[in-house]
Amino acid sequence: MKKNDTYIARCTGYTEDGAGVVRIDGFVVFVKGLIVDEEAEIGITALKKNHGYGRVVKLIKPSPDRVEPPCSVSRPCGGCQLQHMNDRAQRYFKEEKVRNCFRTNADMDADILPIIRTEPYYHYRNKVQVPVQFNKGEVEMGFYQNHTNRIINYDACDVQSELSNRITVFLKEQFARFGCAANVRHVLIKHAHVTNQVMIVLIVRRHPFDREDELVEKTVQAFPEVRSMTAIENRREDNVILDGKEYILYGEPYIEEELLDCRFRISARSFFQINPYATKLLYAKALEFAGLTGRETVIDLYCGTGTIGILAAKHAKKVYGIEIVADAVKDAKVNARINGVENIEFLNMDASHGAQAVLRSKIKADAVIVDPPRKGCSRDTLDAIVKIAPKRLVYVSCDPATLARDVKILMENGFSLEKIQPVDMFPQTVHIETIVLLQRQNS
């Protein structure tokens, strides 16, 4: 086998990033855009020691689950890896992904509850971060092609809200008009779908910049939904985007959104779940798993701006939220006040130190909720959770691989795995949110 050879092969499975898996004389080849059971002519594009990569030269036997991607730049962009699959195929892929992660990282054949999906499957995102470049006198705005710094221009992204798309097109025109594109690095747009409030954040090389006031005036005139417009002066040369001093250009430094009968402030740097429609189901299921009756003490690790902790506080005796980002803790305190929640307390420290502080204070936690970043919980955090010994542990994860790794450690230290619930927060992509319920044995 060598590069550019072609073979007829059938897809038998998927990689974690959604590529099809085919076997040619026992040799594994990964092919983007293939669906299980499809037969195709495969062209070899690269070879490694134990596997290869290929492309579809000709589709011989297409799957009934194949659909035409609505996005005109879906292939070069690569952000929506599953647009060629229908709803059924995406469900199968994501459930199998979670199941395979538990096989690989937890050494177990886990029972997975049917994935929770909810419409809309397009135009669901409430945040978009668009890089900006000025090349040969032209303004380029879009997403980076995979593994490159090349921008794929677009006028409409099918998973962003239609309002966010219109604002992106408008700003591209205004950057050209006012000659400020070379100073703008990224545009961050946050669109609260329920309240219809919009925040625009310009990540710039210097502030103020020429004709800044005119740009702001034109933007807020064109889009009355804009309640906040800020600039972050970022002179770093790396990929850290939201770093630097923030300046208010218009309105307040936040917008507000409603979720499960609560109202939350969202600032430029604060985390809020991307899909507001699936988030309602995600948090409702997490609270169901926590089994709160109004008598419990709850620890909310990695609490961010307090979203799930504030929701839990309405059904618990006391909640302690722990978060390392100081700005997020400030937002969390404001959010608690806005919603009239007084039985919640926030600690500004990392998860492991916060959990250890709980131990030192001898707080008896009935339930712990964790929602860590993609890398999962640190070993120190897991050890502290084991010592806290809550009756119930609800783990919300955006990466089933690190989730499975952490679940294995917890099961080796006195917890039993009760439920695994995937939730499709990111339709058309390979990403998935998963909630796990663990219970302390003999609790």
Protein backbone atom coordinates (compact mmCIF):
# COMPACT_ATOMS: atom_id res chain seq x y z
CA MET A 1 0.00 0.00 0.00
CA LYS A 2 1.27 3.47 -0.88
CA LYS A 3 0.00 7.03 -1.16
CA ASN A 4 -2.52 7.64 -3.98
CA ASP A 5 -3.42 3.94 -4.27
CA THR A 6 -7.19 3.37 -4.50
CA TYR A 7 -9.25 0.57 -2.97
CA ILE A 8 -12.90 -0.44 -2.61
CA ALA A 9 -13.80 -0.66 1.08
CA ARG A 10 -16.74 -0.59 3.49
CA CYS A 11 -17.01 1.66 6.55
CA THR A 12 -17.32 -0.36 9.76
CA GLY A 13 -17.13 2.29 12.49
CA TYR A 14 -16.04 5.76 13.52
CA THR A 15 -13.15 7.52 15.20
CA GLU A 16 -13.84 9.95 18.04
CA ASP A 17 -13.59 12.84 15.59
CA GLY A 18 -16.23 11.36 13.27
CA ALA A 19 -14.04 9.90 10.53
CA GLY A 20 -15.11 6.59 9.05
CA VAL A 21 -13.03 3.48 9.77
CA VAL A 22 -12.30 1.05 6.93
CA ARG A 23 -10.03 -1.98 6.84
CA ILE A 24 -8.04 -2.84 3.73
CA ASP A 25 -6.43 -6.28 4.03
CA GLY A 26 -6.56 -5.82 7.81
CA PHE A 27 -4.91 -2.36 7.70
CA VAL A 28 -6.95 0.44 9.29
CA VAL A 29 -7.62 3.58 7.25
CA PHE A 30 -9.48 6.64 8.52
CA VAL A 31 -11.70 8.44 5.99
CA LYS A 32 -13.57 11.69 6.69
CA GLY A 33 -17.17 11.91 5.56
CA LEU A 34 -18.01 8.19 5.50
CA ILE A 35 -21.02 6.66 7.26
CA VAL A 36 -21.17 3.14 8.72
CA ASP A 37 -22.00 0.47 6.08
CA GLU A 38 -21.21 2.77 3.17
CA GLU A 39 -19.06 1.31 0.41
CA ALA A 40 -16.69 3.63 -1.42
CA GLU A 41 -13.60 3.87 -3.55
CA ILE A 42 -10.92 5.15 -1.17
CA GLY A 43 -7.80 7.04 -2.19
CA ILE A 44 -4.86 6.79 0.25
CA THR A 45 -3.65 10.25 1.31
CA ALA A 46 -1.14 9.41 4.07
CA LEU A 47 0.37 6.35 5.74
CA LYS A 48 1.59 5.82 9.30
CA LYS A 49 3.08 2.72 10.90
CA ASN A 50 -0.21 1.29 12.21
CA HIS A 51 -2.87 3.16 10.23
CA GLY A 52 -3.49 5.35 7.23
CA TYR A 53 -5.70 8.20 6.03
CA GLY A 54 -7.87 8.30 2.96
CA ARG A 55 -10.42 10.30 1.03
CA VAL A 56 -13.60 9.32 -0.77
CA VAL A 57 -12.89 9.12 -4.50
CA LYS A 58 -16.33 7.73 -5.36
CA LEU A 59 -19.28 6.73 -3.21
CA ILE A 60 -20.44 3.33 -4.46
CA LYS A 61 -23.12 2.40 -1.92
CA PRO A 62 -24.38 5.47 0.00
CA SER A 63 -26.12 5.11 3.34
CA PRO A 64 -29.83 5.92 3.66
CA ASP A 65 -28.69 8.10 6.59
CA ARG A 66 -26.66 10.38 4.30
CA VAL A 67 -27.92 13.93 3.74
CA GLU A 68 -26.57 16.87 1.78
CA PRO A 69 -24.84 19.37 4.11
CA PRO A 70 -26.70 22.69 3.93
CA CYS A 71 -23.51 24.67 4.55
CA SER A 72 -21.58 25.66 1.42
CA VAL A 73 -18.21 25.60 3.25
CA SER A 74 -18.78 22.52 5.45
CA ARG A 75 -15.83 20.59 4.00
CA PRO A 76 -13.07 23.25 4.12
CA CYS A 77 -14.34 24.72 7.41
CA GLY A 78 -14.56 21.40 9.26
CA GLY A 79 -16.35 22.87 12.27
CA CYS A 80 -19.50 20.78 11.72
CA GLN A 81 -18.10 17.32 11.13
CA LEU A 82 -21.47 15.50 11.01
CA GLN A 83 -23.56 17.59 8.62
CA HIS A 84 -23.56 14.69 6.15
CA MET A 85 -25.46 12.52 8.69
CA ASN A 86 -29.18 12.60 9.44
CA ASP A 87 -30.60 12.69 12.95
CA ARG A 88 -30.55 8.90 13.41
CA ALA A 89 -26.92 8.56 12.35
CA GLN A 90 -25.80 11.40 14.61
CA ARG A 91 -27.58 9.80 17.56
CA TYR A 92 -25.86 6.48 16.87
CA PHE A 93 -22.43 8.09 16.49
CA LYS A 94 -22.68 10.03 19.76
CA GLU A 95 -24.01 7.16 21.85
CA GLU A 96 -21.27 4.90 20.49
CA LYS A 97 -18.66 7.57 21.21
CA VAL A 98 -19.65 7.67 24.89
CA ARG A 99 -19.83 3.87 25.05
CA ASN A 100 -16.38 3.47 23.44
CA CYS A 101 -14.82 6.03 25.78
CA PHE A 102 -15.98 3.99 28.78
CA ARG A 103 -14.61 0.82 27.17
CA THR A 104 -11.25 2.41 26.49
CA ASN A 105 -10.77 4.60 29.57
CA ALA A 106 -12.81 2.82 32.25
CA ASP A 107 -12.47 -0.82 31.13
CA MET A 108 -16.21 -1.37 31.20
CA ASP A 109 -19.15 -2.05 28.90
CA ALA A 110 -21.41 0.68 30.21
CA ASP A 111 -25.16 0.93 29.80
CA ILE A 112 -25.86 4.26 28.12
CA LEU A 113 -29.26 5.92 28.34
CA PRO A 114 -30.67 7.07 24.99
CA ILE A 115 -29.19 10.42 24.03
CA ILE A 116 -31.29 13.51 24.71
CA ARG A 117 -31.63 15.66 21.59
CA THR A 118 -33.85 18.65 21.05
CA GLU A 119 -34.58 20.97 18.18
CA PRO A 120 -33.43 23.26 16.72
CA TYR A 121 -30.54 21.28 15.28
CA TYR A 122 -29.38 24.39 13.41
CA HIS A 123 -29.00 28.05 14.46
CA TYR A 124 -28.82 27.01 18.11
CA ARG A 125 -25.54 28.56 19.28
CA ASN A 126 -25.61 31.65 21.49
CA LYS A 127 -21.93 32.51 21.04
CA VAL A 128 -19.62 32.92 18.05
CA GLN A 129 -15.97 33.95 18.01
CA VAL A 130 -14.85 35.02 14.53
CA PRO A 131 -11.20 35.69 13.63
CA VAL A 132 -10.50 38.73 11.47
CA GLN A 133 -7.66 39.20 8.97
CA PHE A 134 -6.79 41.98 6.52
CA ASN A 135 -5.09 40.50 3.45
CA LYS A 136 -4.24 42.32 0.24
CA GLY A 137 -6.72 45.06 0.97
CA GLU A 138 -9.58 42.65 1.73
CA VAL A 139 -11.31 41.97 5.05
CA GLU A 140 -11.58 38.27 5.83
CA MET A 141 -13.92 36.96 8.54
CA GLY A 142 -14.77 33.32 9.11
CA PHE A 143 -13.38 30.27 10.85
CA TYR A 144 -9.89 28.81 10.63
CA GLN A 145 -9.56 25.77 8.41
CA ASN A 146 -8.49 22.75 10.49
CA HIS A 147 -4.79 22.81 11.44
CA THR A 148 -4.17 26.10 9.57
CA ASN A 149 -4.31 29.86 10.04
CA ARG A 150 -6.29 30.20 6.81
CA ILE A 151 -9.72 31.79 7.27
CA ILE A 152 -12.69 30.21 5.51
CA ASN A 153 -14.94 33.17 4.74
CA TYR A 154 -18.68 32.74 5.20
CA ASP A 155 -21.79 34.88 5.08
CA ALA A 156 -23.93 32.53 7.17
CA CYS A 157 -22.93 29.79 9.60
CA ASP A 158 -25.74 27.26 9.92
CA VAL A 159 -25.24 26.61 13.65
CA GLN A 160 -25.05 30.29 14.67
CA SER A 161 -28.18 32.34 15.24
CA GLU A 162 -29.41 34.25 12.22
CA LEU A 163 -28.98 37.51 14.13
CA SER A 164 -25.32 36.70 14.90
CA ASN A 165 -24.78 35.95 11.21
CA ARG A 166 -26.26 39.30 10.18
CA ILE A 167 -24.08 41.14 12.68
CA THR A 168 -20.97 39.33 11.41
CA VAL A 169 -21.68 40.36 7.80
CA PHE A 170 -22.44 43.92 8.90
CA LEU A 171 -19.20 44.26 10.89
CA LYS A 172 -17.16 42.91 8.00
CA GLU A 173 -18.58 45.69 5.80
CA GLN A 174 -17.98 48.35 8.46
CA PHE A 175 -14.40 47.25 9.12
CA ALA A 176 -13.70 47.81 5.43
CA ARG A 177 -15.59 51.11 5.43
CA PHE A 178 -13.81 52.55 8.46
CA GLY A 179 -10.40 51.04 7.68
CA CYS A 180 -9.97 49.37 11.06
CA ALA A 181 -9.82 45.68 10.08
CA ALA A 182 -6.02 45.48 10.57
CA ASN A 183 -6.50 46.43 14.22
CA VAL A 184 -9.23 43.85 14.95
CA ARG A 185 -8.12 40.31 15.83
CA HIS A 186 -11.44 38.64 16.68
CA VAL A 187 -15.10 39.48 17.07
CA LEU A 188 -17.01 37.78 19.87
CA ILE A 189 -20.81 37.87 19.64
CA LYS A 190 -23.05 36.59 22.44
CA HIS A 191 -26.76 36.36 21.66
CA ALA A 192 -29.17 35.52 24.48
CA HIS A 193 -31.95 33.69 22.65
CA VAL A 194 -34.69 34.14 25.25
CA THR A 195 -34.18 37.83 26.06
CA ASN A 196 -32.82 38.59 22.55
CA GLN A 197 -30.04 40.72 24.04
CA VAL A 198 -26.70 40.87 22.21
CA MET A 199 -23.14 41.55 23.36
CA ILE A 200 -20.39 42.39 20.85
CA VAL A 201 -16.77 42.20 21.99
CA LEU A 202 -14.00 43.46 19.71
CA ILE A 203 -10.61 41.93 20.48
CA VAL A 204 -8.21 44.59 19.24
CA ARG A 205 -4.49 45.27 19.07
CA ARG A 206 -4.90 48.79 20.42
CA HIS A 207 -7.64 50.90 21.97
CA PRO A 208 -8.92 53.41 21.10
CA PHE A 209 -8.63 53.02 17.33
CA ASP A 210 -9.46 55.35 14.46
CA ARG A 211 -13.19 55.95 13.89
CA GLU A 212 -14.09 53.67 16.78
CA ASP A 213 -16.99 55.87 17.86
CA GLU A 214 -18.46 55.88 14.34
CA LEU A 215 -18.26 52.08 14.15
CA VAL A 216 -20.06 51.70 17.47
CA GLU A 217 -22.74 54.24 16.55
CA LYS A 218 -23.48 52.55 13.20
CA THR A 219 -23.63 49.11 14.83
CA VAL A 220 -26.07 49.96 17.62
CA GLN A 221 -28.24 51.90 15.16
CA ALA A 222 -28.40 48.90 12.83
CA PHE A 223 -29.05 46.39 15.62
CA PRO A 224 -31.21 47.61 18.51
CA GLU A 225 -30.77 44.17 20.13
CA VAL A 226 -27.19 45.16 21.02
CA ARG A 227 -27.15 46.00 24.74
CA SER A 228 -23.40 45.79 25.26
CA MET A 229 -20.37 46.59 23.10
CA THR A 230 -16.86 46.37 24.53
CA ALA A 231 -13.25 46.18 23.38
CA ILE A 232 -10.51 44.00 24.84
CA GLU A 233 -7.01 45.28 24.10
CA ASN A 234 -4.92 42.16 23.52
CA ARG A 235 -1.29 42.51 22.45
CA ARG A 236 -0.31 38.89 22.99
CA GLU A 237 1.15 36.92 20.11
CA ASP A 238 -0.27 33.53 21.11
CA ASN A 239 -3.76 32.01 20.84
CA VAL A 240 -5.10 33.35 24.14
CA ILE A 241 -7.90 35.63 22.97
CA LEU A 242 -9.82 37.06 25.93
CA ASP A 243 -6.81 38.52 27.74
CA GLY A 244 -6.27 42.20 28.36
CA LYS A 245 -8.08 45.23 29.70
CA GLU A 246 -11.74 45.53 28.72
CA TYR A 247 -13.25 48.89 27.74
CA ILE A 248 -16.97 49.64 27.56
CA LEU A 249 -17.89 51.13 24.18
CA TYR A 250 -21.67 51.07 24.60
CA GLY A 251 -24.19 50.01 27.24
CA GLU A 252 -23.26 47.71 30.11
CA PRO A 253 -20.43 45.13 30.30
CA TYR A 254 -22.98 42.31 30.30
CA ILE A 255 -26.23 41.00 28.88
CA GLU A 256 -28.88 38.89 30.63
CA GLU A 257 -30.47 35.56 29.74
CA GLU A 258 -33.29 33.49 31.26
CA LEU A 259 -32.98 29.80 32.06
CA LEU A 260 -35.39 27.57 34.00
CA ASP A 261 -37.21 30.55 35.58
CA CYS A 262 -33.95 32.21 36.61
CA ARG A 263 -32.11 35.19 35.12
CA PHE A 264 -28.34 35.24 34.59
CA ARG A 265 -25.83 37.91 33.66
CA ILE A 266 -23.37 37.03 30.90
CA SER A 267 -20.15 39.03 30.53
CA ALA A 268 -17.39 38.84 27.93
CA ARG A 269 -15.32 36.28 29.82
CA SER A 270 -18.07 34.39 31.65
CA PHE A 271 -19.02 30.85 30.67
CA PHE A 272 -22.58 30.04 29.68
CA GLN A 273 -23.66 26.86 27.92
CA ILE A 274 -23.64 27.23 24.12
CA ASN A 275 -27.03 25.68 23.32
CA PRO A 276 -29.84 27.31 25.35
CA TYR A 277 -32.43 24.76 24.20
CA ALA A 278 -30.46 21.68 25.25
CA THR A 279 -29.11 23.41 28.36
CA LYS A 280 -32.58 23.42 29.91
CA LEU A 281 -32.74 19.64 29.52
CA LEU A 282 -29.13 19.15 30.64
CA TYR A 283 -29.55 21.06 33.90
CA ALA A 284 -32.99 19.64 34.60
CA LYS A 285 -31.56 16.13 34.27
CA ALA A 286 -28.55 16.99 36.45
CA LEU A 287 -30.85 18.29 39.19
CA GLU A 288 -33.02 15.17 38.84
CA PHE A 289 -29.90 13.01 39.34
CA ALA A 290 -28.96 15.06 42.44
CA GLY A 291 -32.26 14.01 44.02
CA LEU A 292 -32.72 17.22 46.02
CA THR A 293 -35.63 17.47 48.48
CA GLY A 294 -34.85 20.79 50.19
CA ARG A 295 -32.88 19.27 53.07
CA GLU A 296 -29.52 18.75 51.37
CA THR A 297 -26.17 20.55 51.47
CA VAL A 298 -24.68 20.70 47.96
CA ILE A 299 -21.14 21.43 46.78
CA ASP A 300 -20.94 22.87 43.24
CA LEU A 301 -17.36 22.48 41.97
CA TYR A 302 -16.24 24.48 38.92
CA CYS A 303 -19.38 26.55 39.45
CA GLY A 304 -18.52 29.30 36.93
CA THR A 305 -21.07 32.10 37.15
CA GLY A 306 -23.22 29.99 39.47
CA THR A 307 -25.80 28.78 36.97
CA ILE A 308 -26.39 25.23 38.12
CA GLY A 309 -25.66 26.04 41.77
CA ILE A 310 -28.32 28.75 41.83
CA LEU A 311 -30.81 26.38 40.21
CA ALA A 312 -29.91 23.71 42.79
CA ALA A 313 -30.27 26.18 45.67
CA LYS A 314 -33.99 26.44 44.95
CA HIS A 315 -34.29 22.76 45.90
CA ALA A 316 -31.61 22.44 48.62
CA LYS A 317 -30.91 23.69 52.12
CA LYS A 318 -27.48 25.15 51.31
CA VAL A 319 -25.16 25.32 48.29
CA TYR A 320 -21.44 26.12 48.22
CA GLY A 321 -20.10 27.14 44.80
CA ILE A 322 -16.37 26.89 44.13
CA GLU A 323 -14.69 28.61 41.17
CA ILE A 324 -11.10 29.71 40.41
CA VAL A 325 -11.96 32.63 38.07
CA ALA A 326 -12.50 35.75 40.19
CA ASP A 327 -14.66 37.53 37.58
CA ALA A 328 -16.92 34.48 37.38
CA VAL A 329 -17.38 34.50 41.15
CA LYS A 330 -18.34 38.19 41.03
CA ASP A 331 -20.92 37.37 38.34
CA ALA A 332 -22.16 34.41 40.40
CA LYS A 333 -22.80 36.60 43.43
CA VAL A 334 -24.72 39.09 41.30
CA ASN A 335 -26.72 36.25 39.70
CA ALA A 336 -27.67 34.90 43.12
CA ARG A 337 -28.84 38.37 44.19
CA ILE A 338 -30.83 38.90 40.97
CA ASN A 339 -32.69 35.65 41.58
CA GLY A 340 -33.27 36.22 45.27
CA VAL A 341 -31.20 33.16 46.25
CA GLU A 342 -29.71 33.59 49.72
CA ASN A 343 -28.79 30.01 50.61
CA ILE A 344 -25.71 29.91 48.37
CA GLU A 345 -22.12 30.88 49.16
CA PHE A 346 -19.26 31.23 46.66
CA LEU A 347 -15.58 30.52 47.25
CA ASN A 348 -12.93 31.91 44.88
CA MET A 349 -10.42 29.05 44.69
CA ASP A 350 -9.61 26.13 42.45
CA ALA A 351 -11.66 22.97 42.71
CA SER A 352 -9.14 20.88 44.64
CA HIS A 353 -8.38 23.62 47.20
CA GLY A 354 -12.08 24.38 47.50
CA ALA A 355 -12.91 20.75 48.12
CA GLN A 356 -10.17 20.56 50.74
CA ALA A 357 -11.56 23.71 52.38
CA VAL A 358 -14.90 21.93 52.61
CA LEU A 359 -13.17 19.03 54.35
CA ARG A 360 -11.43 21.33 56.83
CA SER A 361 -14.70 23.09 57.63
CA LYS A 362 -16.31 19.69 58.30
CA ILE A 363 -19.29 20.54 56.10
CA LYS A 364 -21.34 17.39 55.52
CA ALA A 365 -22.20 17.39 51.83
CA ASP A 366 -25.15 15.29 50.72
CA ALA A 367 -24.48 15.92 47.03
CA VAL A 368 -21.58 17.17 44.93
CA ILE A 369 -22.03 18.51 41.41
CA VAL A 370 -18.96 18.88 39.20
CA ASP A 371 -18.80 20.48 35.76
CA PRO A 372 -15.07 20.65 34.94
CA PRO A 373 -13.35 21.84 31.76
CA ARG A 374 -12.48 19.40 28.98
CA LYS A 375 -9.42 18.05 30.82
CA GLY A 376 -11.66 16.72 33.61
CA CYS A 377 -10.95 16.75 37.35
CA SER A 378 -7.46 16.76 38.78
CA ARG A 379 -6.45 13.78 40.90
CA ASP A 380 -6.33 16.05 43.97
CA THR A 381 -9.92 17.10 43.31
CA LEU A 382 -11.07 13.50 42.93
CA ASP A 383 -9.26 12.52 46.15
CA ALA A 384 -10.97 15.36 48.00
CA ILE A 385 -14.40 14.32 46.65
CA VAL A 386 -13.75 10.79 47.87
CA LYS A 387 -12.99 12.15 51.36
CA ILE A 388 -16.06 14.42 51.33
CA ALA A 389 -18.01 11.21 50.60
CA PRO A 390 -21.29 12.68 49.33
CA LYS A 391 -24.24 10.34 48.99
CA ARG A 392 -24.64 11.42 45.36
CA LEU A 393 -22.12 12.75 42.88
CA VAL A 394 -23.39 14.32 39.65
CA TYR A 395 -20.62 14.72 37.06
CA VAL A 396 -21.37 16.92 34.02
CA SER A 397 -18.75 16.56 31.30
CA CYS A 398 -18.03 17.95 27.83
CA ASP A 399 -15.48 15.19 27.13
CA PRO A 400 -16.55 11.54 27.59
CA ALA A 401 -12.92 10.37 27.49
CA THR A 402 -11.82 12.29 30.60
CA LEU A 403 -15.21 11.59 32.18
CA ALA A 404 -14.70 7.83 31.83
CA ARG A 405 -11.16 8.13 33.22
CA ASP A 406 -12.42 9.99 36.30
CA VAL A 407 -15.39 7.66 36.80
CA LYS A 408 -13.02 4.68 36.91
CA ILE A 409 -10.98 6.37 39.67
CA LEU A 410 -14.12 7.19 41.65
CA MET A 411 -15.44 3.63 41.30
CA GLU A 412 -12.13 2.33 42.65
CA ASN A 413 -12.65 4.57 45.66
CA GLY A 414 -16.10 3.74 46.96
CA PHE A 415 -18.58 5.00 44.35
CA SER A 416 -20.91 2.99 42.18
CA LEU A 417 -21.94 4.10 38.70
CA GLU A 418 -25.73 4.44 38.48
CA LYS A 419 -26.56 6.29 35.24
CA ILE A 420 -24.90 7.68 32.11
CA GLN A 421 -26.96 10.23 30.20
CA PRO A 422 -25.61 11.76 26.95
CA VAL A 423 -27.08 15.14 25.93
CA ASP A 424 -26.53 16.53 22.45
CA MET A 425 -25.50 20.10 23.15
CA PHE A 426 -23.71 20.42 19.82
CA PRO A 427 -25.75 19.05 16.86
CA GLN A 428 -23.82 18.68 13.57
CA THR A 429 -20.52 18.33 15.48
CA VAL A 430 -18.71 15.41 17.13
CA HIS A 431 -18.90 17.04 20.57
CA ILE A 432 -21.25 15.82 23.27
CA GLU A 433 -22.19 16.60 26.86
CA THR A 434 -22.67 13.71 29.29
CA ILE A 435 -24.14 13.54 32.81
CA VAL A 436 -23.18 10.71 35.14
CA LEU A 437 -24.73 9.83 38.47
CA LEU A 438 -22.50 8.09 40.99
CA GLN A 439 -23.56 7.00 44.43
CA ARG A 440 -21.42 6.31 47.47
CA GLN A 441 -21.56 2.63 48.21
CA ASN A 442 -23.33 1.73 51.44
CA SER A 443 -24.65 5.29 51.67
